[in-house]
Amino acid sequence: MIAAAAVLATTALLGIGVLLLPLRWPALAASWLPGAIHGACGVSGFLLLASSLGGPRRGVSMGAGSFGIVATELFGATLLLATAMAAARLRRRRPNILVIGLHATLAVGGLTLLAAYLSFPA
């Protein structure tokens, strides 16, 4: 579970890099490689998180026992939006800014819930 959180936090930092990359290096804005690396890290973090939820729940006595499941659902919705953005890029279109914003919002919400979930002892 800790590894999943580390991979997903790294993915969030890579997402910030993908967002800011065209500001510093405009030639890299058209490249698919930074987004593909960000996506591969996101998928691997999601799979790590989904596979590690089978153990004992954390924070049940505090009312936070479902935080891990909800974080996984938020990351799943984030992956669905990422698929829509990748489909737009394959059609040589820019993804809608609202889809990008919702993607980032869901990812940060999932990361926050996961951090809260991990703060409870197992």
PDB file of N, CA and C in Angstrom:
ATOM      1  N   MET A   1       0.829  -1.193   0.000  1.00  0.00           N
ATOM      2  CA  MET A   1       0.000   0.000   0.000  1.00  0.00           C
ATOM      3  C   MET A   1       0.873   1.256   0.000  1.00  0.00           C
ATOM      4  N   ILE A   2       1.982   1.191   0.737  1.00  0.00           N
ATOM      5  CA  ILE A   2       2.895   2.332   0.765  1.00  0.00           C
ATOM      6  C   ILE A   2       3.523   2.535  -0.616  1.00  0.00           C
ATOM      7  N   ALA A   3       3.849   1.436  -1.276  1.00  0.00           N
ATOM      8  CA  ALA A   3       4.428   1.540  -2.622  1.00  0.00           C
ATOM      9  C   ALA A   3       3.440   2.169  -3.592  1.00  0.00           C
ATOM     10  N   ALA A   4       2.167   1.802  -3.464  1.00  0.00           N
ATOM     11  CA  ALA A   4       1.148   2.396  -4.334  1.00  0.00           C
ATOM     12  C   ALA A   4       1.049   3.894  -4.097  1.00  0.00           C
ATOM     13  N   ALA A   5       1.099   4.303  -2.831  1.00  0.00           N
ATOM     14  CA  ALA A   5       1.030   5.731  -2.524  1.00  0.00           C
ATOM     15  C   ALA A   5       2.248   6.466  -3.075  1.00  0.00           C
ATOM     16  N   ALA A   6       3.408   5.842  -2.992  1.00  0.00           N
ATOM     17  CA  ALA A   6       4.619   6.482  -3.522  1.00  0.00           C
ATOM     18  C   ALA A   6       4.552   6.617  -5.040  1.00  0.00           C
ATOM     19  N   VAL A   7       4.087   5.569  -5.710  1.00  0.00           N
ATOM     20  CA  VAL A   7       3.973   5.638  -7.172  1.00  0.00           C
ATOM     21  C   VAL A   7       2.939   6.680  -7.579  1.00  0.00           C
ATOM     22  N   LEU A   8       1.816   6.729  -6.860  1.00  0.00           N
ATOM     23  CA  LEU A   8       0.774   7.697  -7.219  1.00  0.00           C
ATOM     24  C   LEU A   8       1.204   9.132  -6.912  1.00  0.00           C
ATOM     25  N   ALA A   9       1.968   9.332  -5.839  1.00  0.00           N
ATOM     26  CA  ALA A   9       2.484  10.673  -5.554  1.00  0.00           C
ATOM     27  C   ALA A   9       3.493  11.096  -6.624  1.00  0.00           C
ATOM     28  N   THR A  10       4.318  10.149  -7.069  1.00  0.00           N
ATOM     29  CA  THR A  10       5.250  10.435  -8.161  1.00  0.00           C
ATOM     30  C   THR A  10       4.489  10.762  -9.437  1.00  0.00           C
ATOM     31  N   THR A  11       3.388  10.056  -9.662  1.00  0.00           N
ATOM     32  CA  THR A  11       2.563  10.324 -10.836  1.00  0.00           C
ATOM     33  C   THR A  11       1.985  11.734 -10.784  1.00  0.00           C
ATOM     34  N   ALA A  12       1.578  12.168  -9.590  1.00  0.00           N
ATOM     35  CA  ALA A  12       1.053  13.532  -9.448  1.00  0.00           C
ATOM     36  C   ALA A  12       2.138  14.563  -9.769  1.00  0.00           C
ATOM     37  N   LEU A  13       3.349  14.318  -9.308  1.00  0.00           N
ATOM     38  CA  LEU A  13       4.446  15.238  -9.622  1.00  0.00           C
ATOM     39  C   LEU A  13       4.756  15.235 -11.115  1.00  0.00           C
ATOM     40  N   LEU A  14       4.696  14.057 -11.733  1.00  0.00           N
ATOM     41  CA  LEU A  14       4.895  13.990 -13.184  1.00  0.00           C
ATOM     42  C   LEU A  14       3.788  14.731 -13.928  1.00  0.00           C
ATOM     43  N   GLY A  15       2.562  14.673 -13.395  1.00  0.00           N
ATOM     44  CA  GLY A  15       1.456  15.409 -14.011  1.00  0.00           C
ATOM     45  C   GLY A  15       1.685  16.906 -13.981  1.00  0.00           C
ATOM     46  N   ILE A  16       2.245  17.392 -12.884  1.00  0.00           N
ATOM     47  CA  ILE A  16       2.585  18.809 -12.813  1.00  0.00           C
ATOM     48  C   ILE A  16       3.649  19.137 -13.863  1.00  0.00           C
ATOM     49  N   GLY A  17       4.602  18.227 -14.010  1.00  0.00           N
ATOM     50  CA  GLY A  17       5.635  18.425 -15.024  1.00  0.00           C
ATOM     51  C   GLY A  17       5.069  18.434 -16.431  1.00  0.00           C
ATOM     52  N   VAL A  18       4.125  17.524 -16.710  1.00  0.00           N
ATOM     53  CA  VAL A  18       3.491  17.492 -18.034  1.00  0.00           C
ATOM     54  C   VAL A  18       2.724  18.787 -18.279  1.00  0.00           C
ATOM     55  N   LEU A  19       2.130  19.330 -17.245  1.00  0.00           N
ATOM     56  CA  LEU A  19       1.384  20.585 -17.380  1.00  0.00           C
ATOM     57  C   LEU A  19       2.314  21.762 -17.659  1.00  0.00           C
ATOM     58  N   LEU A  20       3.445  21.800 -16.966  1.00  0.00           N
ATOM     59  CA  LEU A  20       4.341  22.946 -17.084  1.00  0.00           C
ATOM     60  C   LEU A  20       5.382  22.808 -18.185  1.00  0.00           C
ATOM     61  N   LEU A  21       5.516  21.631 -18.756  1.00  0.00           N
ATOM     62  CA  LEU A  21       6.528  21.377 -19.776  1.00  0.00           C
ATOM     63  C   LEU A  21       6.455  22.326 -20.969  1.00  0.00           C
ATOM     64  N   PRO A  22       5.283  22.610 -21.524  1.00  0.00           N
ATOM     65  CA  PRO A  22       5.244  23.516 -22.687  1.00  0.00           C
ATOM     66  C   PRO A  22       5.661  24.942 -22.364  1.00  0.00           C
ATOM     67  N   LEU A  23       5.613  25.337 -21.107  1.00  0.00           N
ATOM     68  CA  LEU A  23       6.011  26.698 -20.770  1.00  0.00           C
ATOM     69  C   LEU A  23       7.521  26.895 -20.912  1.00  0.00           C
ATOM     70  N   ARG A  24       8.272  25.852 -20.565  1.00  0.00           N
ATOM     71  CA  ARG A  24       9.734  25.962 -20.629  1.00  0.00           C
ATOM     72  C   ARG A  24      10.284  25.489 -21.970  1.00  0.00           C
ATOM     73  N   TRP A  25       9.746  24.370 -22.476  1.00  0.00           N
ATOM     74  CA  TRP A  25      10.203  23.787 -23.728  1.00  0.00           C
ATOM     75  C   TRP A  25       9.004  23.571 -24.647  1.00  0.00           C
ATOM     76  N   PRO A  26       8.638  24.566 -25.446  1.00  0.00           N
ATOM     77  CA  PRO A  26       7.461  24.441 -26.307  1.00  0.00           C
ATOM     78  C   PRO A  26       7.559  23.313 -27.332  1.00  0.00           C
ATOM     79  N   ALA A  27       8.759  22.939 -27.726  1.00  0.00           N
ATOM     80  CA  ALA A  27       8.905  21.864 -28.720  1.00  0.00           C
ATOM     81  C   ALA A  27       8.461  20.518 -28.146  1.00  0.00           C
ATOM     82  N   LEU A  28       8.584  20.342 -26.840  1.00  0.00           N
ATOM     83  CA  LEU A  28       8.172  19.084 -26.214  1.00  0.00           C
ATOM     84  C   LEU A  28       6.669  18.996 -25.990  1.00  0.00           C
ATOM     85  N   ALA A  29       5.955  20.076 -26.210  1.00  0.00           N
ATOM     86  CA  ALA A  29       4.513  20.077 -25.981  1.00  0.00           C
ATOM     87  C   ALA A  29       3.795  19.128 -26.930  1.00  0.00           C
ATOM     88  N   ALA A  30       4.327  18.947 -28.117  1.00  0.00           N
ATOM     89  CA  ALA A  30       3.683  18.079 -29.097  1.00  0.00           C
ATOM     90  C   ALA A  30       4.070  16.616 -28.917  1.00  0.00           C
ATOM     91  N   SER A  31       5.040  16.347 -28.068  1.00  0.00           N
ATOM     92  CA  SER A  31       5.508  14.974 -27.866  1.00  0.00           C
ATOM     93  C   SER A  31       4.515  14.195 -27.004  1.00  0.00           C
ATOM     94  N   TRP A  32       4.373  12.927 -27.307  1.00  0.00           N
ATOM     95  CA  TRP A  32       3.473  12.070 -26.551  1.00  0.00           C
ATOM     96  C   TRP A  32       4.185  11.394 -25.383  1.00  0.00           C
ATOM     97  N   LEU A  33       5.522  11.447 -25.342  1.00  0.00           N
ATOM     98  CA  LEU A  33       6.290  10.696 -24.356  1.00  0.00           C
ATOM     99  C   LEU A  33       6.045  11.125 -22.907  1.00  0.00           C
ATOM    100  N   PRO A  34       6.044  12.420 -22.573  1.00  0.00           N
ATOM    101  CA  PRO A  34       5.792  12.784 -21.169  1.00  0.00           C
ATOM    102  C   PRO A  34       4.418  12.322 -20.679  1.00  0.00           C
ATOM    103  N   GLY A  35       3.417  12.460 -21.501  1.00  0.00           N
ATOM    104  CA  GLY A  35       2.087  11.998 -21.120  1.00  0.00           C
ATOM    105  C   GLY A  35       2.012  10.489 -20.984  1.00  0.00           C
ATOM    106  N   ALA A  36       2.742   9.784 -21.833  1.00  0.00           N
ATOM    107  CA  ALA A  36       2.752   8.323 -21.760  1.00  0.00           C
ATOM    108  C   ALA A  36       3.445   7.842 -20.489  1.00  0.00           C
ATOM    109  N   ILE A  37       4.518   8.503 -20.099  1.00  0.00           N
ATOM    110  CA  ILE A  37       5.197   8.134 -18.850  1.00  0.00           C
ATOM    111  C   ILE A  37       4.284   8.411 -17.667  1.00  0.00           C
ATOM    112  N   HIS A  38       3.620   9.556 -17.678  1.00  0.00           N
ATOM    113  CA  HIS A  38       2.670   9.910 -16.628  1.00  0.00           C
ATOM    114  C   HIS A  38       1.542   8.874 -16.559  1.00  0.00           C
ATOM    115  N   GLY A  39       1.029   8.478 -17.700  1.00  0.00           N
ATOM    116  CA  GLY A  39      -0.045   7.496 -17.745  1.00  0.00           C
ATOM    117  C   GLY A  39       0.392   6.121 -17.278  1.00  0.00           C
ATOM    118  N   ALA A  40       1.588   5.696 -17.673  1.00  0.00           N
ATOM    119  CA  ALA A  40       2.083   4.386 -17.243  1.00  0.00           C
ATOM    120  C   ALA A  40       2.284   4.337 -15.738  1.00  0.00           C
ATOM    121  N   CYS A  41       2.790   5.417 -15.173  1.00  0.00           N
ATOM    122  CA  CYS A  41       2.940   5.468 -13.707  1.00  0.00           C
ATOM    123  C   CYS A  41       1.570   5.455 -13.032  1.00  0.00           C
ATOM    124  N   GLY A  42       0.609   6.168 -13.599  1.00  0.00           N
ATOM    125  CA  GLY A  42      -0.732   6.193 -13.018  1.00  0.00           C
ATOM    126  C   GLY A  42      -1.404   4.842 -13.041  1.00  0.00           C
ATOM    127  N   VAL A  43      -1.298   4.135 -14.151  1.00  0.00           N
ATOM    128  CA  VAL A  43      -1.899   2.804 -14.250  1.00  0.00           C
ATOM    129  C   VAL A  43      -1.222   1.840 -13.286  1.00  0.00           C
ATOM    130  N   SER A  44       0.101   1.886 -13.203  1.00  0.00           N
ATOM    131  CA  SER A  44       0.792   0.972 -12.288  1.00  0.00           C
ATOM    132  C   SER A  44       0.459   1.284 -10.833  1.00  0.00           C
ATOM    133  N   GLY A  45       0.351   2.564 -10.485  1.00  0.00           N
ATOM    134  CA  GLY A  45      -0.040   2.920  -9.118  1.00  0.00           C
ATOM    135  C   GLY A  45      -1.451   2.486  -8.792  1.00  0.00           C
ATOM    136  N   PHE A  46      -2.351   2.636  -9.757  1.00  0.00           N
ATOM    137  CA  PHE A  46      -3.728   2.194  -9.551  1.00  0.00           C
ATOM    138  C   PHE A  46      -3.792   0.684  -9.351  1.00  0.00           C
ATOM    139  N   LEU A  47      -3.063  -0.066 -10.163  1.00  0.00           N
ATOM    140  CA  LEU A  47      -3.070  -1.525 -10.019  1.00  0.00           C
ATOM    141  C   LEU A  47      -2.442  -1.964  -8.701  1.00  0.00           C
ATOM    142  N   LEU A  48      -1.381  -1.293  -8.283  1.00  0.00           N
ATOM    143  CA  LEU A  48      -0.788  -1.594  -6.975  1.00  0.00           C
ATOM    144  C   LEU A  48      -1.783  -1.324  -5.853  1.00  0.00           C
ATOM    145  N   LEU A  49      -2.477  -0.206  -5.936  1.00  0.00           N
ATOM    146  CA  LEU A  49      -3.440   0.142  -4.894  1.00  0.00           C
ATOM    147  C   LEU A  49      -4.608  -0.832  -4.875  1.00  0.00           C
ATOM    148  N   ALA A  50      -5.124  -1.163  -6.038  1.00  0.00           N
ATOM    149  CA  ALA A  50      -6.262  -2.085  -6.097  1.00  0.00           C
ATOM    150  C   ALA A  50      -5.887  -3.469  -5.590  1.00  0.00           C
ATOM    151  N   SER A  51      -4.662  -3.892  -5.854  1.00  0.00           N
ATOM    152  CA  SER A  51      -4.256  -5.221  -5.404  1.00  0.00           C
ATOM    153  C   SER A  51      -3.922  -5.263  -3.920  1.00  0.00           C
ATOM    154  N   SER A  52      -3.635  -4.131  -3.320  1.00  0.00           N
ATOM    155  CA  SER A  52      -3.260  -4.126  -1.902  1.00  0.00           C
ATOM    156  C   SER A  52      -4.434  -3.868  -0.963  1.00  0.00           C
ATOM    157  N   LEU A  53      -5.614  -3.717  -1.485  1.00  0.00           N
ATOM    158  CA  LEU A  53      -6.770  -3.443  -0.620  1.00  0.00           C
ATOM    159  C   LEU A  53      -7.349  -4.695   0.034  1.00  0.00           C
ATOM    160  N   GLY A  54      -6.827  -5.857  -0.247  1.00  0.00           N
ATOM    161  CA  GLY A  54      -7.379  -7.089   0.298  1.00  0.00           C
ATOM    162  C   GLY A  54      -7.048  -7.335   1.758  1.00  0.00           C
ATOM    163  N   GLY A  55      -6.127  -6.610   2.325  1.00  0.00           N
ATOM    164  CA  GLY A  55      -5.714  -6.819   3.699  1.00  0.00           C
ATOM    165  C   GLY A  55      -6.694  -6.220   4.696  1.00  0.00           C
ATOM    166  N   PRO A  56      -6.288  -6.177   5.957  1.00  0.00           N
ATOM    167  CA  PRO A  56      -7.168  -5.594   6.973  1.00  0.00           C
ATOM    168  C   PRO A  56      -7.365  -4.102   6.753  1.00  0.00           C
ATOM    169  N   ARG A  57      -8.555  -3.641   7.067  1.00  0.00           N
ATOM    170  CA  ARG A  57      -8.861  -2.220   6.886  1.00  0.00           C
ATOM    171  C   ARG A  57      -8.212  -1.395   7.990  1.00  0.00           C
ATOM    172  N   ARG A  58      -7.855  -0.201   7.630  1.00  0.00           N
ATOM    173  CA  ARG A  58      -7.271   0.742   8.580  1.00  0.00           C
ATOM    174  C   ARG A  58      -8.336   1.746   9.007  1.00  0.00           C
ATOM    175  N   GLY A  59      -8.212   2.258  10.201  1.00  0.00           N
ATOM    176  CA  GLY A  59      -9.041   3.361  10.663  1.00  0.00           C
ATOM    177  C   GLY A  59     -10.516   3.071  10.798  1.00  0.00           C
ATOM    178  N   VAL A  60     -10.906   1.810  10.999  1.00  0.00           N
ATOM    179  CA  VAL A  60     -12.327   1.469  11.110  1.00  0.00           C
ATOM    180  C   VAL A  60     -12.928   2.113  12.351  1.00  0.00           C
ATOM    181  N   SER A  61     -12.183   2.124  13.459  1.00  0.00           N
ATOM    182  CA  SER A  61     -12.713   2.702  14.689  1.00  0.00           C
ATOM    183  C   SER A  61     -12.875   4.212  14.600  1.00  0.00           C
ATOM    184  N   MET A  62     -12.188   4.837  13.670  1.00  0.00           N
ATOM    185  CA  MET A  62     -12.285   6.292  13.496  1.00  0.00           C
ATOM    186  C   MET A  62     -13.262   6.683  12.395  1.00  0.00           C
ATOM    187  N   GLY A  63     -13.853   5.713  11.727  1.00  0.00           N
ATOM    188  CA  GLY A  63     -14.793   6.007  10.661  1.00  0.00           C
ATOM    189  C   GLY A  63     -14.143   6.209   9.305  1.00  0.00           C
ATOM    190  N   ALA A  64     -12.891   5.791   9.167  1.00  0.00           N
ATOM    191  CA  ALA A  64     -12.172   5.997   7.917  1.00  0.00           C
ATOM    192  C   ALA A  64     -11.859   4.674   7.231  1.00  0.00           C
ATOM    193  N   GLY A  65     -12.597   3.641   7.534  1.00  0.00           N
ATOM    194  CA  GLY A  65     -12.323   2.323   6.984  1.00  0.00           C
ATOM    195  C   GLY A  65     -12.534   2.225   5.490  1.00  0.00           C
ATOM    196  N   SER A  66     -13.346   3.082   4.924  1.00  0.00           N
ATOM    197  CA  SER A  66     -13.616   3.010   3.481  1.00  0.00           C
ATOM    198  C   SER A  66     -12.785   4.011   2.680  1.00  0.00           C
ATOM    199  N   PHE A  67     -11.864   4.710   3.303  1.00  0.00           N
ATOM    200  CA  PHE A  67     -11.065   5.699   2.585  1.00  0.00           C
ATOM    201  C   PHE A  67     -10.242   5.059   1.476  1.00  0.00           C
ATOM    202  N   GLY A  68      -9.717   3.868   1.700  1.00  0.00           N
ATOM    203  CA  GLY A  68      -8.918   3.192   0.682  1.00  0.00           C
ATOM    204  C   GLY A  68      -9.751   2.825  -0.537  1.00  0.00           C
ATOM    205  N   ILE A  69     -10.968   2.347  -0.299  1.00  0.00           N
ATOM    206  CA  ILE A  69     -11.857   1.976  -1.401  1.00  0.00           C
ATOM    207  C   ILE A  69     -12.274   3.214  -2.190  1.00  0.00           C
ATOM    208  N   VAL A  70     -12.609   4.284  -1.481  1.00  0.00           N
ATOM    209  CA  VAL A  70     -13.025   5.515  -2.154  1.00  0.00           C
ATOM    210  C   VAL A  70     -11.859   6.114  -2.942  1.00  0.00           C
ATOM    211  N   ALA A  71     -10.643   6.047  -2.373  1.00  0.00           N
ATOM    212  CA  ALA A  71      -9.469   6.545  -3.101  1.00  0.00           C
ATOM    213  C   ALA A  71      -9.265   5.745  -4.389  1.00  0.00           C
ATOM    214  N   THR A  72      -9.455   4.426  -4.306  1.00  0.00           N
ATOM    215  CA  THR A  72      -9.317   3.593  -5.500  1.00  0.00           C
ATOM    216  C   THR A  72     -10.368   3.950  -6.541  1.00  0.00           C
ATOM    217  N   GLU A  73     -11.594   4.209  -6.099  1.00  0.00           N
ATOM    218  CA  GLU A  73     -12.647   4.609  -7.034  1.00  0.00           C
ATOM    219  C   GLU A  73     -12.333   5.955  -7.680  1.00  0.00           C
ATOM    220  N   LEU A  74     -11.779   6.889  -6.906  1.00  0.00           N
ATOM    221  CA  LEU A  74     -11.409   8.182  -7.480  1.00  0.00           C
ATOM    222  C   LEU A  74     -10.297   8.025  -8.512  1.00  0.00           C
ATOM    223  N   PHE A  75      -9.335   7.172  -8.220  1.00  0.00           N
ATOM    224  CA  PHE A  75      -8.266   6.938  -9.191  1.00  0.00           C
ATOM    225  C   PHE A  75      -8.793   6.214 -10.422  1.00  0.00           C
ATOM    226  N   GLY A  76      -9.780   5.352 -10.251  1.00  0.00           N
ATOM    227  CA  GLY A  76     -10.394   4.703 -11.412  1.00  0.00           C
ATOM    228  C   GLY A  76     -11.090   5.714 -12.310  1.00  0.00           C
ATOM    229  N   ALA A  77     -11.810   6.667 -11.701  1.00  0.00           N
ATOM    230  CA  ALA A  77     -12.451   7.716 -12.486  1.00  0.00           C
ATOM    231  C   ALA A  77     -11.410   8.604 -13.164  1.00  0.00           C
ATOM    232  N   THR A  78     -10.289   8.817 -12.478  1.00  0.00           N
ATOM    233  CA  THR A  78      -9.199   9.579 -13.066  1.00  0.00           C
ATOM    234  C   THR A  78      -8.646   8.876 -14.301  1.00  0.00           C
ATOM    235  N   LEU A  79      -8.527   7.554 -14.226  1.00  0.00           N
ATOM    236  CA  LEU A  79      -8.044   6.792 -15.381  1.00  0.00           C
ATOM    237  C   LEU A  79      -9.027   6.841 -16.550  1.00  0.00           C
ATOM    238  N   LEU A  80     -10.311   6.849 -16.255  1.00  0.00           N
ATOM    239  CA  LEU A  80     -11.298   6.978 -17.331  1.00  0.00           C
ATOM    240  C   LEU A  80     -11.165   8.320 -18.048  1.00  0.00           C
ATOM    241  N   LEU A  81     -10.974   9.373 -17.277  1.00  0.00           N
ATOM    242  CA  LEU A  81     -10.775  10.683 -17.895  1.00  0.00           C
ATOM    243  C   LEU A  81      -9.457  10.739 -18.666  1.00  0.00           C
ATOM    244  N   ALA A  82      -8.439  10.058 -18.148  1.00  0.00           N
ATOM    245  CA  ALA A  82      -7.160  10.017 -18.861  1.00  0.00           C
ATOM    246  C   ALA A  82      -7.311   9.301 -20.194  1.00  0.00           C
ATOM    247  N   THR A  83      -8.152   8.271 -20.221  1.00  0.00           N
ATOM    248  CA  THR A  83      -8.409   7.569 -21.479  1.00  0.00           C
ATOM    249  C   THR A  83      -9.083   8.502 -22.484  1.00  0.00           C
ATOM    250  N   ALA A  84     -10.008   9.322 -22.005  1.00  0.00           N
ATOM    251  CA  ALA A  84     -10.663  10.293 -22.894  1.00  0.00           C
ATOM    252  C   ALA A  84      -9.657  11.319 -23.420  1.00  0.00           C
ATOM    253  N   MET A  85      -8.728  11.742 -22.560  1.00  0.00           N
ATOM    254  CA  MET A  85      -7.720  12.702 -23.010  1.00  0.00           C
ATOM    255  C   MET A  85      -6.766  12.065 -24.016  1.00  0.00           C
ATOM    256  N   ALA A  86      -6.399  10.807 -23.789  1.00  0.00           N
ATOM    257  CA  ALA A  86      -5.522  10.118 -24.735  1.00  0.00           C
ATOM    258  C   ALA A  86      -6.220   9.921 -26.079  1.00  0.00           C
ATOM    259  N   ALA A  87      -7.519   9.642 -26.049  1.00  0.00           N
ATOM    260  CA  ALA A  87      -8.269   9.487 -27.294  1.00  0.00           C
ATOM    261  C   ALA A  87      -8.313  10.807 -28.064  1.00  0.00           C
ATOM    262  N   ALA A  88      -8.453  11.907 -27.346  1.00  0.00           N
ATOM    263  CA  ALA A  88      -8.443  13.215 -28.013  1.00  0.00           C
ATOM    264  C   ALA A  88      -7.079  13.484 -28.646  1.00  0.00           C
ATOM    265  N   ARG A  89      -6.007  13.123 -27.928  1.00  0.00           N
ATOM    266  CA  ARG A  89      -4.662  13.332 -28.482  1.00  0.00           C
ATOM    267  C   ARG A  89      -4.421  12.470 -29.718  1.00  0.00           C
ATOM    268  N   LEU A  90      -4.967  11.258 -29.717  1.00  0.00           N
ATOM    269  CA  LEU A  90      -4.805  10.383 -30.882  1.00  0.00           C
ATOM    270  C   LEU A  90      -5.546  10.921 -32.105  1.00  0.00           C
ATOM    271  N   ARG A  91      -6.614  11.687 -31.869  1.00  0.00           N
ATOM    272  CA  ARG A  91      -7.343  12.320 -32.968  1.00  0.00           C
ATOM    273  C   ARG A  91      -6.759  13.674 -33.325  1.00  0.00           C
ATOM    274  N   ARG A  92      -5.581  13.980 -32.772  1.00  0.00           N
ATOM    275  CA  ARG A  92      -4.870  15.235 -33.026  1.00  0.00           C
ATOM    276  C   ARG A  92      -5.655  16.454 -32.535  1.00  0.00           C
ATOM    277  N   ARG A  93      -6.357  16.290 -31.439  1.00  0.00           N
ATOM    278  CA  ARG A  93      -7.085  17.403 -30.822  1.00  0.00           C
ATOM    279  C   ARG A  93      -6.539  17.648 -29.424  1.00  0.00           C
ATOM    280  N   ARG A  94      -6.741  18.852 -28.963  1.00  0.00           N
ATOM    281  CA  ARG A  94      -6.383  19.155 -27.574  1.00  0.00           C
ATOM    282  C   ARG A  94      -7.504  18.667 -26.669  1.00  0.00           C
ATOM    283  N   PRO A  95      -7.174  18.056 -25.553  1.00  0.00           N
ATOM    284  CA  PRO A  95      -8.227  17.660 -24.619  1.00  0.00           C
ATOM    285  C   PRO A  95      -8.924  18.901 -24.042  1.00  0.00           C
ATOM    286  N   ASN A  96     -10.175  18.740 -23.736  1.00  0.00           N
ATOM    287  CA  ASN A  96     -10.950  19.836 -23.153  1.00  0.00           C
ATOM    288  C   ASN A  96     -10.347  20.216 -21.807  1.00  0.00           C
ATOM    289  N   ILE A  97     -10.257  21.505 -21.537  1.00  0.00           N
ATOM    290  CA  ILE A  97      -9.645  21.980 -20.300  1.00  0.00           C
ATOM    291  C   ILE A  97     -10.454  21.553 -19.074  1.00  0.00           C
ATOM    292  N   LEU A  98     -11.765  21.403 -19.223  1.00  0.00           N
ATOM    293  CA  LEU A  98     -12.579  20.930 -18.100  1.00  0.00           C
ATOM    294  C   LEU A  98     -12.277  19.473 -17.768  1.00  0.00           C
ATOM    295  N   VAL A  99     -12.007  18.677 -18.782  1.00  0.00           N
ATOM    296  CA  VAL A  99     -11.641  17.278 -18.548  1.00  0.00           C
ATOM    297  C   VAL A  99     -10.284  17.213 -17.853  1.00  0.00           C
ATOM    298  N   ILE A 100      -9.358  18.061 -18.264  1.00  0.00           N
ATOM    299  CA  ILE A 100      -8.042  18.103 -17.628  1.00  0.00           C
ATOM    300  C   ILE A 100      -8.177  18.531 -16.170  1.00  0.00           C
ATOM    301  N   GLY A 101      -8.985  19.539 -15.917  1.00  0.00           N
ATOM    302  CA  GLY A 101      -9.189  20.013 -14.544  1.00  0.00           C
ATOM    303  C   GLY A 101      -9.858  18.979 -13.665  1.00  0.00           C
ATOM    304  N   LEU A 102     -10.852  18.289 -14.196  1.00  0.00           N
ATOM    305  CA  LEU A 102     -11.517  17.242 -13.426  1.00  0.00           C
ATOM    306  C   LEU A 102     -10.571  16.078 -13.173  1.00  0.00           C
ATOM    307  N   HIS A 103      -9.748  15.744 -14.153  1.00  0.00           N
ATOM    308  CA  HIS A 103      -8.743  14.695 -13.999  1.00  0.00           C
ATOM    309  C   HIS A 103      -7.812  15.032 -12.830  1.00  0.00           C
ATOM    310  N   ALA A 104      -7.316  16.259 -12.792  1.00  0.00           N
ATOM    311  CA  ALA A 104      -6.400  16.667 -11.727  1.00  0.00           C
ATOM    312  C   ALA A 104      -7.107  16.717 -10.375  1.00  0.00           C
ATOM    313  N   THR A 105      -8.342  17.197 -10.358  1.00  0.00           N
ATOM    314  CA  THR A 105      -9.090  17.293  -9.106  1.00  0.00           C
ATOM    315  C   THR A 105      -9.355  15.925  -8.498  1.00  0.00           C
ATOM    316  N   LEU A 106      -9.775  14.976  -9.328  1.00  0.00           N
ATOM    317  CA  LEU A 106     -10.027  13.622  -8.830  1.00  0.00           C
ATOM    318  C   LEU A 106      -8.740  12.959  -8.354  1.00  0.00           C
ATOM    319  N   ALA A 107      -7.648  13.188  -9.069  1.00  0.00           N
ATOM    320  CA  ALA A 107      -6.375  12.591  -8.677  1.00  0.00           C
ATOM    321  C   ALA A 107      -5.893  13.145  -7.338  1.00  0.00           C
ATOM    322  N   VAL A 108      -5.990  14.445  -7.142  1.00  0.00           N
ATOM    323  CA  VAL A 108      -5.567  15.040  -5.876  1.00  0.00           C
ATOM    324  C   VAL A 108      -6.488  14.603  -4.744  1.00  0.00           C
ATOM    325  N   GLY A 109      -7.781  14.498  -5.017  1.00  0.00           N
ATOM    326  CA  GLY A 109      -8.708  13.997  -3.998  1.00  0.00           C
ATOM    327  C   GLY A 109      -8.401  12.567  -3.608  1.00  0.00           C
ATOM    328  N   GLY A 110      -8.109  11.723  -4.586  1.00  0.00           N
ATOM    329  CA  GLY A 110      -7.747  10.341  -4.289  1.00  0.00           C
ATOM    330  C   GLY A 110      -6.453  10.249  -3.515  1.00  0.00           C
ATOM    331  N   LEU A 111      -5.470  11.066  -3.873  1.00  0.00           N
ATOM    332  CA  LEU A 111      -4.194  11.060  -3.169  1.00  0.00           C
ATOM    333  C   LEU A 111      -4.357  11.545  -1.732  1.00  0.00           C
ATOM    334  N   THR A 112      -5.214  12.528  -1.523  1.00  0.00           N
ATOM    335  CA  THR A 112      -5.470  13.021  -0.176  1.00  0.00           C
ATOM    336  C   THR A 112      -6.160  11.963   0.683  1.00  0.00           C
ATOM    337  N   LEU A 113      -7.169  11.293   0.126  1.00  0.00           N
ATOM    338  CA  LEU A 113      -7.834  10.225   0.871  1.00  0.00           C
ATOM    339  C   LEU A 113      -6.884   9.068   1.156  1.00  0.00           C
ATOM    340  N   LEU A 114      -6.035   8.745   0.211  1.00  0.00           N
ATOM    341  CA  LEU A 114      -5.074   7.667   0.422  1.00  0.00           C
ATOM    342  C   LEU A 114      -4.079   8.031   1.515  1.00  0.00           C
ATOM    343  N   ALA A 115      -3.631   9.274   1.541  1.00  0.00           N
ATOM    344  CA  ALA A 115      -2.716   9.711   2.593  1.00  0.00           C
ATOM    345  C   ALA A 115      -3.400   9.649   3.961  1.00  0.00           C
ATOM    346  N   ALA A 116      -4.662  10.060   4.019  1.00  0.00           N
ATOM    347  CA  ALA A 116      -5.397   9.971   5.287  1.00  0.00           C
ATOM    348  C   ALA A 116      -5.585   8.518   5.713  1.00  0.00           C
ATOM    349  N   TYR A 117      -5.861   7.658   4.759  1.00  0.00           N
ATOM    350  CA  TYR A 117      -6.066   6.237   5.034  1.00  0.00           C
ATOM    351  C   TYR A 117      -4.776   5.594   5.555  1.00  0.00           C
ATOM    352  N   LEU A 118      -3.655   5.980   4.986  1.00  0.00           N
ATOM    353  CA  LEU A 118      -2.381   5.413   5.419  1.00  0.00           C
ATOM    354  C   LEU A 118      -1.907   5.952   6.743  1.00  0.00           C
ATOM    355  N   SER A 119      -2.474   7.060   7.186  1.00  0.00           N
ATOM    356  CA  SER A 119      -2.046   7.624   8.467  1.00  0.00           C
ATOM    357  C   SER A 119      -2.557   6.818   9.661  1.00  0.00           C
ATOM    358  N   PHE A 120      -3.541   5.946   9.450  1.00  0.00           N
ATOM    359  CA  PHE A 120      -4.050   5.097  10.527  1.00  0.00           C
ATOM    360  C   PHE A 120      -3.233   3.825  10.602  1.00  0.00           C
ATOM    361  N   PRO A 121      -3.041   3.284  11.815  1.00  0.00           N
ATOM    362  CA  PRO A 121      -2.296   2.026  11.928  1.00  0.00           C
ATOM    363  C   PRO A 121      -3.083   0.868  11.331  1.00  0.00           C
ATOM    364  N   ALA A 122      -2.363  -0.106  10.827  1.00  0.00           N
ATOM    365  CA  ALA A 122      -3.014  -1.275  10.198  1.00  0.00           C
ATOM    366  C   ALA A 122      -3.673  -2.176  11.210  1.00  0.00           C
TER     367      ALA A 122
END
